[in-house]
Amino acid sequence: MSLMILNGAIAFALLCFTLGLGCAAIRMVRGPTAQDRILALDTVYIDGMLILLVLGLRFEAGLYFDVALLIALFGFVGSTALAKFLLRGEVIEP
């Protein structure tokens, strides 16, 4: 019984994260401003990371968690660089 509930919760979580990823992808393409697109990109990488974490729980594989950690790391660095670029117009200062 508890395994059936867990499988249902995993399926529901994957559905929610996939819908969020799709909505963020649409906002990234149609976003009227650059700030909207960067926020949508943040949402895309976070949703992708959460999907991998849920899949890691489902298949009981540690590789998913390692890849999710890398996505989080690169997503944070990318978001910081894009925010700095929007703020100052350059990423690396002379």
PDB file of N, CA and C in Angstrom:
ATOM      1  N   MET A   1       0.828  -1.200   0.000  1.00  0.00           N
ATOM      2  CA  MET A   1       0.000   0.000   0.000  1.00  0.00           C
ATOM      3  C   MET A   1       0.865   1.253   0.000  1.00  0.00           C
ATOM      4  N   SER A   2       1.887   1.291   0.849  1.00  0.00           N
ATOM      5  CA  SER A   2       2.713   2.490   0.935  1.00  0.00           C
ATOM      6  C   SER A   2       3.540   2.685  -0.336  1.00  0.00           C
ATOM      7  N   LEU A   3       3.905   1.572  -1.005  1.00  0.00           N
ATOM      8  CA  LEU A   3       4.651   1.685  -2.257  1.00  0.00           C
ATOM      9  C   LEU A   3       3.785   2.293  -3.348  1.00  0.00           C
ATOM     10  N   MET A   4       2.504   1.980  -3.349  1.00  0.00           N
ATOM     11  CA  MET A   4       1.591   2.544  -4.332  1.00  0.00           C
ATOM     12  C   MET A   4       1.406   4.048  -4.090  1.00  0.00           C
ATOM     13  N   ILE A   5       1.347   4.446  -2.842  1.00  0.00           N
ATOM     14  CA  ILE A   5       1.224   5.869  -2.511  1.00  0.00           C
ATOM     15  C   ILE A   5       2.490   6.610  -2.922  1.00  0.00           C
ATOM     16  N   LEU A   6       3.663   6.008  -2.676  1.00  0.00           N
ATOM     17  CA  LEU A   6       4.920   6.633  -3.054  1.00  0.00           C
ATOM     18  C   LEU A   6       5.018   6.791  -4.577  1.00  0.00           C
ATOM     19  N   ASN A   7       4.640   5.767  -5.322  1.00  0.00           N
ATOM     20  CA  ASN A   7       4.662   5.859  -6.781  1.00  0.00           C
ATOM     21  C   ASN A   7       3.701   6.923  -7.298  1.00  0.00           C
ATOM     22  N   GLY A   8       2.543   7.041  -6.669  1.00  0.00           N
ATOM     23  CA  GLY A   8       1.595   8.083  -7.051  1.00  0.00           C
ATOM     24  C   GLY A   8       2.121   9.477  -6.753  1.00  0.00           C
ATOM     25  N   ALA A   9       2.773   9.625  -5.603  1.00  0.00           N
ATOM     26  CA  ALA A   9       3.342  10.927  -5.235  1.00  0.00           C
ATOM     27  C   ALA A   9       4.482  11.306  -6.171  1.00  0.00           C
ATOM     28  N   ILE A  10       5.297  10.320  -6.558  1.00  0.00           N
ATOM     29  CA  ILE A  10       6.390  10.585  -7.491  1.00  0.00           C
ATOM     30  C   ILE A  10       5.845  10.984  -8.850  1.00  0.00           C
ATOM     31  N   ALA A  11       4.811  10.295  -9.314  1.00  0.00           N
ATOM     32  CA  ALA A  11       4.204  10.633 -10.610  1.00  0.00           C
ATOM     33  C   ALA A  11       3.595  12.033 -10.569  1.00  0.00           C
ATOM     34  N   PHE A  12       2.930  12.364  -9.473  1.00  0.00           N
ATOM     35  CA  PHE A  12       2.334  13.689  -9.342  1.00  0.00           C
ATOM     36  C   PHE A  12       3.409  14.779  -9.304  1.00  0.00           C
ATOM     37  N   ALA A  13       4.488  14.535  -8.569  1.00  0.00           N
ATOM     38  CA  ALA A  13       5.578  15.507  -8.489  1.00  0.00           C
ATOM     39  C   ALA A  13       6.221  15.703  -9.855  1.00  0.00           C
ATOM     40  N   LEU A  14       6.446  14.601 -10.583  1.00  0.00           N
ATOM     41  CA  LEU A  14       7.026  14.730 -11.926  1.00  0.00           C
ATOM     42  C   LEU A  14       6.106  15.510 -12.856  1.00  0.00           C
ATOM     43  N   LEU A  15       4.817  15.277 -12.753  1.00  0.00           N
ATOM     44  CA  LEU A  15       3.860  16.021 -13.579  1.00  0.00           C
ATOM     45  C   LEU A  15       3.905  17.513 -13.257  1.00  0.00           C
ATOM     46  N   CYS A  16       3.925  17.848 -11.967  1.00  0.00           N
ATOM     47  CA  CYS A  16       3.959  19.263 -11.562  1.00  0.00           C
ATOM     48  C   CYS A  16       5.248  19.946 -12.006  1.00  0.00           C
ATOM     49  N   PHE A  17       6.380  19.274 -11.817  1.00  0.00           N
ATOM     50  CA  PHE A  17       7.650  19.865 -12.212  1.00  0.00           C
ATOM     51  C   PHE A  17       7.761  20.008 -13.727  1.00  0.00           C
ATOM     52  N   THR A  18       7.209  19.058 -14.457  1.00  0.00           N
ATOM     53  CA  THR A  18       7.227  19.138 -15.921  1.00  0.00           C
ATOM     54  C   THR A  18       6.345  20.281 -16.415  1.00  0.00           C
ATOM     55  N   LEU A  19       5.185  20.450 -15.806  1.00  0.00           N
ATOM     56  CA  LEU A  19       4.326  21.584 -16.176  1.00  0.00           C
ATOM     57  C   LEU A  19       5.012  22.910 -15.859  1.00  0.00           C
ATOM     58  N   GLY A  20       5.661  22.995 -14.721  1.00  0.00           N
ATOM     59  CA  GLY A  20       6.403  24.209 -14.369  1.00  0.00           C
ATOM     60  C   GLY A  20       7.532  24.486 -15.343  1.00  0.00           C
ATOM     61  N   LEU A  21       8.225  23.417 -15.761  1.00  0.00           N
ATOM     62  CA  LEU A  21       9.302  23.557 -16.735  1.00  0.00           C
ATOM     63  C   LEU A  21       8.768  24.060 -18.069  1.00  0.00           C
ATOM     64  N   GLY A  22       7.624  23.532 -18.481  1.00  0.00           N
ATOM     65  CA  GLY A  22       7.021  23.985 -19.740  1.00  0.00           C
ATOM     66  C   GLY A  22       6.585  25.444 -19.688  1.00  0.00           C
ATOM     67  N   CYS A  23       5.966  25.842 -18.582  1.00  0.00           N
ATOM     68  CA  CYS A  23       5.546  27.245 -18.433  1.00  0.00           C
ATOM     69  C   CYS A  23       6.746  28.184 -18.416  1.00  0.00           C
ATOM     70  N   ALA A  24       7.806  27.780 -17.740  1.00  0.00           N
ATOM     71  CA  ALA A  24       9.011  28.614 -17.699  1.00  0.00           C
ATOM     72  C   ALA A  24       9.680  28.682 -19.063  1.00  0.00           C
ATOM     73  N   ALA A  25       9.639  27.594 -19.820  1.00  0.00           N
ATOM     74  CA  ALA A  25      10.224  27.613 -21.164  1.00  0.00           C
ATOM     75  C   ALA A  25       9.449  28.561 -22.073  1.00  0.00           C
ATOM     76  N   ILE A  26       8.145  28.573 -21.937  1.00  0.00           N
ATOM     77  CA  ILE A  26       7.329  29.514 -22.727  1.00  0.00           C
ATOM     78  C   ILE A  26       7.672  30.946 -22.335  1.00  0.00           C
ATOM     79  N   ARG A  27       7.812  31.211 -21.044  1.00  0.00           N
ATOM     80  CA  ARG A  27       8.156  32.567 -20.585  1.00  0.00           C
ATOM     81  C   ARG A  27       9.551  32.961 -21.059  1.00  0.00           C
ATOM     82  N   MET A  28      10.452  31.993 -21.131  1.00  0.00           N
ATOM     83  CA  MET A  28      11.809  32.294 -21.583  1.00  0.00           C
ATOM     84  C   MET A  28      11.803  32.699 -23.055  1.00  0.00           C
ATOM     85  N   VAL A  29      10.933  32.094 -23.839  1.00  0.00           N
ATOM     86  CA  VAL A  29      10.864  32.424 -25.267  1.00  0.00           C
ATOM     87  C   VAL A  29      10.081  33.715 -25.489  1.00  0.00           C
ATOM     88  N   ARG A  30       8.983  33.893 -24.792  1.00  0.00           N
ATOM     89  CA  ARG A  30       8.089  35.024 -25.048  1.00  0.00           C
ATOM     90  C   ARG A  30       8.299  36.204 -24.111  1.00  0.00           C
ATOM     91  N   GLY A  31       9.172  36.063 -23.130  1.00  0.00           N
ATOM     92  CA  GLY A  31       9.337  37.107 -22.121  1.00  0.00           C
ATOM     93  C   GLY A  31       9.587  38.478 -22.716  1.00  0.00           C
ATOM     94  N   PRO A  32       8.860  39.489 -22.269  1.00  0.00           N
ATOM     95  CA  PRO A  32       9.028  40.809 -22.868  1.00  0.00           C
ATOM     96  C   PRO A  32      10.349  41.483 -22.510  1.00  0.00           C
ATOM     97  N   THR A  33      10.911  41.167 -21.361  1.00  0.00           N
ATOM     98  CA  THR A  33      12.168  41.815 -20.967  1.00  0.00           C
ATOM     99  C   THR A  33      13.239  40.761 -20.688  1.00  0.00           C
ATOM    100  N   ALA A  34      14.466  41.229 -20.641  1.00  0.00           N
ATOM    101  CA  ALA A  34      15.580  40.323 -20.351  1.00  0.00           C
ATOM    102  C   ALA A  34      15.495  39.782 -18.925  1.00  0.00           C
ATOM    103  N   GLN A  35      14.975  40.581 -18.006  1.00  0.00           N
ATOM    104  CA  GLN A  35      14.840  40.116 -16.629  1.00  0.00           C
ATOM    105  C   GLN A  35      13.857  38.955 -16.532  1.00  0.00           C
ATOM    106  N   ASP A  36      12.764  39.017 -17.304  1.00  0.00           N
ATOM    107  CA  ASP A  36      11.813  37.912 -17.328  1.00  0.00           C
ATOM    108  C   ASP A  36      12.463  36.649 -17.868  1.00  0.00           C
ATOM    109  N   ARG A  37      13.282  36.788 -18.873  1.00  0.00           N
ATOM    110  CA  ARG A  37      13.933  35.626 -19.474  1.00  0.00           C
ATOM    111  C   ARG A  37      14.949  35.008 -18.522  1.00  0.00           C
ATOM    112  N   ILE A  38      15.677  35.832 -17.787  1.00  0.00           N
ATOM    113  CA  ILE A  38      16.654  35.294 -16.833  1.00  0.00           C
ATOM    114  C   ILE A  38      15.939  34.603 -15.674  1.00  0.00           C
ATOM    115  N   LEU A  39      14.850  35.165 -15.194  1.00  0.00           N
ATOM    116  CA  LEU A  39      14.077  34.525 -14.139  1.00  0.00           C
ATOM    117  C   LEU A  39      13.500  33.200 -14.625  1.00  0.00           C
ATOM    118  N   ALA A  40      13.043  33.159 -15.875  1.00  0.00           N
ATOM    119  CA  ALA A  40      12.537  31.911 -16.446  1.00  0.00           C
ATOM    120  C   ALA A  40      13.656  30.881 -16.584  1.00  0.00           C
ATOM    121  N   LEU A  41      14.859  31.336 -16.940  1.00  0.00           N
ATOM    122  CA  LEU A  41      15.991  30.420 -17.028  1.00  0.00           C
ATOM    123  C   LEU A  41      16.326  29.830 -15.655  1.00  0.00           C
ATOM    124  N   ASP A  42      16.251  30.648 -14.615  1.00  0.00           N
ATOM    125  CA  ASP A  42      16.446  30.145 -13.253  1.00  0.00           C
ATOM    126  C   ASP A  42      15.403  29.069 -12.921  1.00  0.00           C
ATOM    127  N   THR A  43      14.173  29.335 -13.285  1.00  0.00           N
ATOM    128  CA  THR A  43      13.109  28.378 -13.019  1.00  0.00           C
ATOM    129  C   THR A  43      13.314  27.084 -13.801  1.00  0.00           C
ATOM    130  N   VAL A  44      13.794  27.204 -15.036  1.00  0.00           N
ATOM    131  CA  VAL A  44      14.042  26.012 -15.849  1.00  0.00           C
ATOM    132  C   VAL A  44      15.113  25.139 -15.210  1.00  0.00           C
ATOM    133  N   TYR A  45      16.215  25.722 -14.773  1.00  0.00           N
ATOM    134  CA  TYR A  45      17.255  24.873 -14.194  1.00  0.00           C
ATOM    135  C   TYR A  45      16.833  24.314 -12.844  1.00  0.00           C
ATOM    136  N   ILE A  46      16.062  25.045 -12.080  1.00  0.00           N
ATOM    137  CA  ILE A  46      15.591  24.520 -10.797  1.00  0.00           C
ATOM    138  C   ILE A  46      14.604  23.376 -11.020  1.00  0.00           C
ATOM    139  N   ASP A  47      13.682  23.546 -11.976  1.00  0.00           N
ATOM    140  CA  ASP A  47      12.743  22.463 -12.280  1.00  0.00           C
ATOM    141  C   ASP A  47      13.463  21.237 -12.832  1.00  0.00           C
ATOM    142  N   GLY A  48      14.452  21.454 -13.677  1.00  0.00           N
ATOM    143  CA  GLY A  48      15.227  20.328 -14.188  1.00  0.00           C
ATOM    144  C   GLY A  48      15.953  19.592 -13.076  1.00  0.00           C
ATOM    145  N   MET A  49      16.497  20.354 -12.139  1.00  0.00           N
ATOM    146  CA  MET A  49      17.179  19.753 -11.003  1.00  0.00           C
ATOM    147  C   MET A  49      16.195  18.951 -10.146  1.00  0.00           C
ATOM    148  N   LEU A  50      15.017  19.498  -9.912  1.00  0.00           N
ATOM    149  CA  LEU A  50      14.023  18.794  -9.100  1.00  0.00           C
ATOM    150  C   LEU A  50      13.522  17.538  -9.791  1.00  0.00           C
ATOM    151  N   ILE A  51      13.371  17.580 -11.112  1.00  0.00           N
ATOM    152  CA  ILE A  51      12.972  16.384 -11.848  1.00  0.00           C
ATOM    153  C   ILE A  51      14.027  15.291 -11.684  1.00  0.00           C
ATOM    154  N   LEU A  52      15.290  15.660 -11.792  1.00  0.00           N
ATOM    155  CA  LEU A  52      16.349  14.669 -11.611  1.00  0.00           C
ATOM    156  C   LEU A  52      16.363  14.104 -10.195  1.00  0.00           C
ATOM    157  N   LEU A  53      16.118  14.939  -9.204  1.00  0.00           N
ATOM    158  CA  LEU A  53      16.091  14.445  -7.828  1.00  0.00           C
ATOM    159  C   LEU A  53      14.948  13.455  -7.610  1.00  0.00           C
ATOM    160  N   VAL A  54      13.785  13.756  -8.165  1.00  0.00           N
ATOM    161  CA  VAL A  54      12.650  12.838  -8.029  1.00  0.00           C
ATOM    162  C   VAL A  54      12.929  11.534  -8.774  1.00  0.00           C
ATOM    163  N   LEU A  55      13.537  11.626  -9.957  1.00  0.00           N
ATOM    164  CA  LEU A  55      13.894  10.411 -10.682  1.00  0.00           C
ATOM    165  C   LEU A  55      14.943   9.604  -9.917  1.00  0.00           C
ATOM    166  N   GLY A  56      15.849  10.276  -9.242  1.00  0.00           N
ATOM    167  CA  GLY A  56      16.830   9.582  -8.406  1.00  0.00           C
ATOM    168  C   GLY A  56      16.173   8.822  -7.273  1.00  0.00           C
ATOM    169  N   LEU A  57      15.128   9.409  -6.679  1.00  0.00           N
ATOM    170  CA  LEU A  57      14.381   8.696  -5.650  1.00  0.00           C
ATOM    171  C   LEU A  57      13.626   7.510  -6.238  1.00  0.00           C
ATOM    172  N   ARG A  58      13.068   7.717  -7.409  1.00  0.00           N
ATOM    173  CA  ARG A  58      12.268   6.653  -8.040  1.00  0.00           C
ATOM    174  C   ARG A  58      13.110   5.451  -8.417  1.00  0.00           C
ATOM    175  N   PHE A  59      14.265   5.684  -9.039  1.00  0.00           N
ATOM    176  CA  PHE A  59      15.100   4.584  -9.515  1.00  0.00           C
ATOM    177  C   PHE A  59      16.199   4.190  -8.529  1.00  0.00           C
ATOM    178  N   GLU A  60      16.263   4.883  -7.392  1.00  0.00           N
ATOM    179  CA  GLU A  60      17.241   4.608  -6.345  1.00  0.00           C
ATOM    180  C   GLU A  60      18.671   4.576  -6.907  1.00  0.00           C
ATOM    181  N   ALA A  61      18.997   5.596  -7.689  1.00  0.00           N
ATOM    182  CA  ALA A  61      20.326   5.696  -8.307  1.00  0.00           C
ATOM    183  C   ALA A  61      20.987   6.998  -7.860  1.00  0.00           C
ATOM    184  N   GLY A  62      22.218   6.902  -7.424  1.00  0.00           N
ATOM    185  CA  GLY A  62      22.934   8.059  -6.922  1.00  0.00           C
ATOM    186  C   GLY A  62      23.431   9.002  -7.998  1.00  0.00           C
ATOM    187  N   LEU A  63      23.531   8.514  -9.228  1.00  0.00           N
ATOM    188  CA  LEU A  63      24.034   9.349 -10.317  1.00  0.00           C
ATOM    189  C   LEU A  63      23.131  10.553 -10.559  1.00  0.00           C
ATOM    190  N   TYR A  64      21.833  10.383 -10.392  1.00  0.00           N
ATOM    191  CA  TYR A  64      20.898  11.484 -10.582  1.00  0.00           C
ATOM    192  C   TYR A  64      21.195  12.628  -9.607  1.00  0.00           C
ATOM    193  N   PHE A  65      21.572  12.284  -8.391  1.00  0.00           N
ATOM    194  CA  PHE A  65      21.852  13.307  -7.385  1.00  0.00           C
ATOM    195  C   PHE A  65      23.132  14.072  -7.723  1.00  0.00           C
ATOM    196  N   ASP A  66      24.118  13.371  -8.266  1.00  0.00           N
ATOM    197  CA  ASP A  66      25.352  14.047  -8.675  1.00  0.00           C
ATOM    198  C   ASP A  66      25.099  15.021  -9.820  1.00  0.00           C
ATOM    199  N   VAL A  67      24.306  14.593 -10.783  1.00  0.00           N
ATOM    200  CA  VAL A  67      23.989  15.468 -11.916  1.00  0.00           C
ATOM    201  C   VAL A  67      23.149  16.654 -11.453  1.00  0.00           C
ATOM    202  N   ALA A  68      22.229  16.436 -10.529  1.00  0.00           N
ATOM    203  CA  ALA A  68      21.422  17.535  -9.990  1.00  0.00           C
ATOM    204  C   ALA A  68      22.293  18.553  -9.258  1.00  0.00           C
ATOM    205  N   LEU A  69      23.306  18.076  -8.552  1.00  0.00           N
ATOM    206  CA  LEU A  69      24.232  18.985  -7.876  1.00  0.00           C
ATOM    207  C   LEU A  69      25.005  19.829  -8.882  1.00  0.00           C
ATOM    208  N   LEU A  70      25.441  19.229  -9.974  1.00  0.00           N
ATOM    209  CA  LEU A  70      26.135  19.991 -11.010  1.00  0.00           C
ATOM    210  C   LEU A  70      25.221  21.015 -11.660  1.00  0.00           C
ATOM    211  N   ILE A  71      23.979  20.640 -11.920  1.00  0.00           N
ATOM    212  CA  ILE A  71      23.023  21.586 -12.499  1.00  0.00           C
ATOM    213  C   ILE A  71      22.812  22.765 -11.555  1.00  0.00           C
ATOM    214  N   ALA A  72      22.689  22.501 -10.275  1.00  0.00           N
ATOM    215  CA  ALA A  72      22.512  23.585  -9.302  1.00  0.00           C
ATOM    216  C   ALA A  72      23.721  24.506  -9.284  1.00  0.00           C
ATOM    217  N   LEU A  73      24.907  23.931  -9.313  1.00  0.00           N
ATOM    218  CA  LEU A  73      26.131  24.729  -9.281  1.00  0.00           C
ATOM    219  C   LEU A  73      26.253  25.605 -10.517  1.00  0.00           C
ATOM    220  N   PHE A  74      26.124  25.009 -11.697  1.00  0.00           N
ATOM    221  CA  PHE A  74      26.252  25.782 -12.931  1.00  0.00           C
ATOM    222  C   PHE A  74      25.101  26.765 -13.114  1.00  0.00           C
ATOM    223  N   GLY A  75      23.923  26.412 -12.654  1.00  0.00           N
ATOM    224  CA  GLY A  75      22.792  27.331 -12.737  1.00  0.00           C
ATOM    225  C   GLY A  75      22.997  28.563 -11.882  1.00  0.00           C
ATOM    226  N   PHE A  76      23.529  28.374 -10.680  1.00  0.00           N
ATOM    227  CA  PHE A  76      23.792  29.510  -9.812  1.00  0.00           C
ATOM    228  C   PHE A  76      24.852  30.434 -10.407  1.00  0.00           C
ATOM    229  N   VAL A  77      25.924  29.843 -10.910  1.00  0.00           N
ATOM    230  CA  VAL A  77      26.995  30.647 -11.505  1.00  0.00           C
ATOM    231  C   VAL A  77      26.485  31.394 -12.731  1.00  0.00           C
ATOM    232  N   GLY A  78      25.696  30.710 -13.556  1.00  0.00           N
ATOM    233  CA  GLY A  78      25.141  31.359 -14.746  1.00  0.00           C
ATOM    234  C   GLY A  78      24.185  32.479 -14.402  1.00  0.00           C
ATOM    235  N   SER A  79      23.347  32.265 -13.406  1.00  0.00           N
ATOM    236  CA  SER A  79      22.404  33.311 -12.985  1.00  0.00           C
ATOM    237  C   SER A  79      23.132  34.525 -12.438  1.00  0.00           C
ATOM    238  N   THR A  80      24.174  34.288 -11.672  1.00  0.00           N
ATOM    239  CA  THR A  80      24.956  35.390 -11.127  1.00  0.00           C
ATOM    240  C   THR A  80      25.635  36.185 -12.242  1.00  0.00           C
ATOM    241  N   ALA A  81      26.191  35.480 -13.214  1.00  0.00           N
ATOM    242  CA  ALA A  81      26.856  36.165 -14.327  1.00  0.00           C
ATOM    243  C   ALA A  81      25.856  36.963 -15.164  1.00  0.00           C
ATOM    244  N   LEU A  82      24.688  36.392 -15.427  1.00  0.00           N
ATOM    245  CA  LEU A  82      23.687  37.124 -16.208  1.00  0.00           C
ATOM    246  C   LEU A  82      23.158  38.336 -15.446  1.00  0.00           C
ATOM    247  N   ALA A  83      22.961  38.196 -14.148  1.00  0.00           N
ATOM    248  CA  ALA A  83      22.500  39.343 -13.356  1.00  0.00           C
ATOM    249  C   ALA A  83      23.541  40.452 -13.342  1.00  0.00           C
ATOM    250  N   LYS A  84      24.796  40.087 -13.224  1.00  0.00           N
ATOM    251  CA  LYS A  84      25.862  41.095 -13.241  1.00  0.00           C
ATOM    252  C   LYS A  84      25.950  41.753 -14.611  1.00  0.00           C
ATOM    253  N   PHE A  85      25.748  40.972 -15.669  1.00  0.00           N
ATOM    254  CA  PHE A  85      25.775  41.533 -17.006  1.00  0.00           C
ATOM    255  C   PHE A  85      24.635  42.528 -17.206  1.00  0.00           C
ATOM    256  N   LEU A  86      23.441  42.198 -16.721  1.00  0.00           N
ATOM    257  CA  LEU A  86      22.317  43.123 -16.855  1.00  0.00           C
ATOM    258  C   LEU A  86      22.515  44.381 -16.021  1.00  0.00           C
ATOM    259  N   LEU A  87      23.167  44.239 -14.892  1.00  0.00           N
ATOM    260  CA  LEU A  87      23.352  45.372 -13.995  1.00  0.00           C
ATOM    261  C   LEU A  87      24.418  46.335 -14.517  1.00  0.00           C
ATOM    262  N   ARG A  88      25.561  45.795 -14.988  1.00  0.00           N
ATOM    263  CA  ARG A  88      26.690  46.631 -15.355  1.00  0.00           C
ATOM    264  C   ARG A  88      27.043  46.625 -16.822  1.00  0.00           C
ATOM    265  N   GLY A  89      26.535  45.678 -17.576  1.00  0.00           N
ATOM    266  CA  GLY A  89      26.845  45.608 -18.994  1.00  0.00           C
ATOM    267  C   GLY A  89      28.084  44.789 -19.332  1.00  0.00           C
ATOM    268  N   GLU A  90      28.742  44.263 -18.317  1.00  0.00           N
ATOM    269  CA  GLU A  90      29.912  43.406 -18.543  1.00  0.00           C
ATOM    270  C   GLU A  90      30.016  42.426 -17.381  1.00  0.00           C
ATOM    271  N   VAL A  91      30.596  41.265 -17.655  1.00  0.00           N
ATOM    272  CA  VAL A  91      30.709  40.245 -16.628  1.00  0.00           C
ATOM    273  C   VAL A  91      32.048  40.330 -15.925  1.00  0.00           C
ATOM    274  N   ILE A  92      33.120  40.467 -16.695  1.00  0.00           N
ATOM    275  CA  ILE A  92      34.466  40.544 -16.140  1.00  0.00           C
ATOM    276  C   ILE A  92      34.912  42.000 -16.181  1.00  0.00           C
ATOM    277  N   GLU A  93      35.220  42.535 -15.022  1.00  0.00           N
ATOM    278  CA  GLU A  93      35.649  43.930 -14.962  1.00  0.00           C
ATOM    279  C   GLU A  93      37.140  44.030 -15.173  1.00  0.00           C
ATOM    280  N   PRO A  94      37.598  45.077 -15.886  1.00  0.00           N
ATOM    281  CA  PRO A  94      39.050  45.235 -16.097  1.00  0.00           C
ATOM    282  C   PRO A  94      39.782  45.683 -14.854  1.00  0.00           C
TER     283      PRO A  94
END
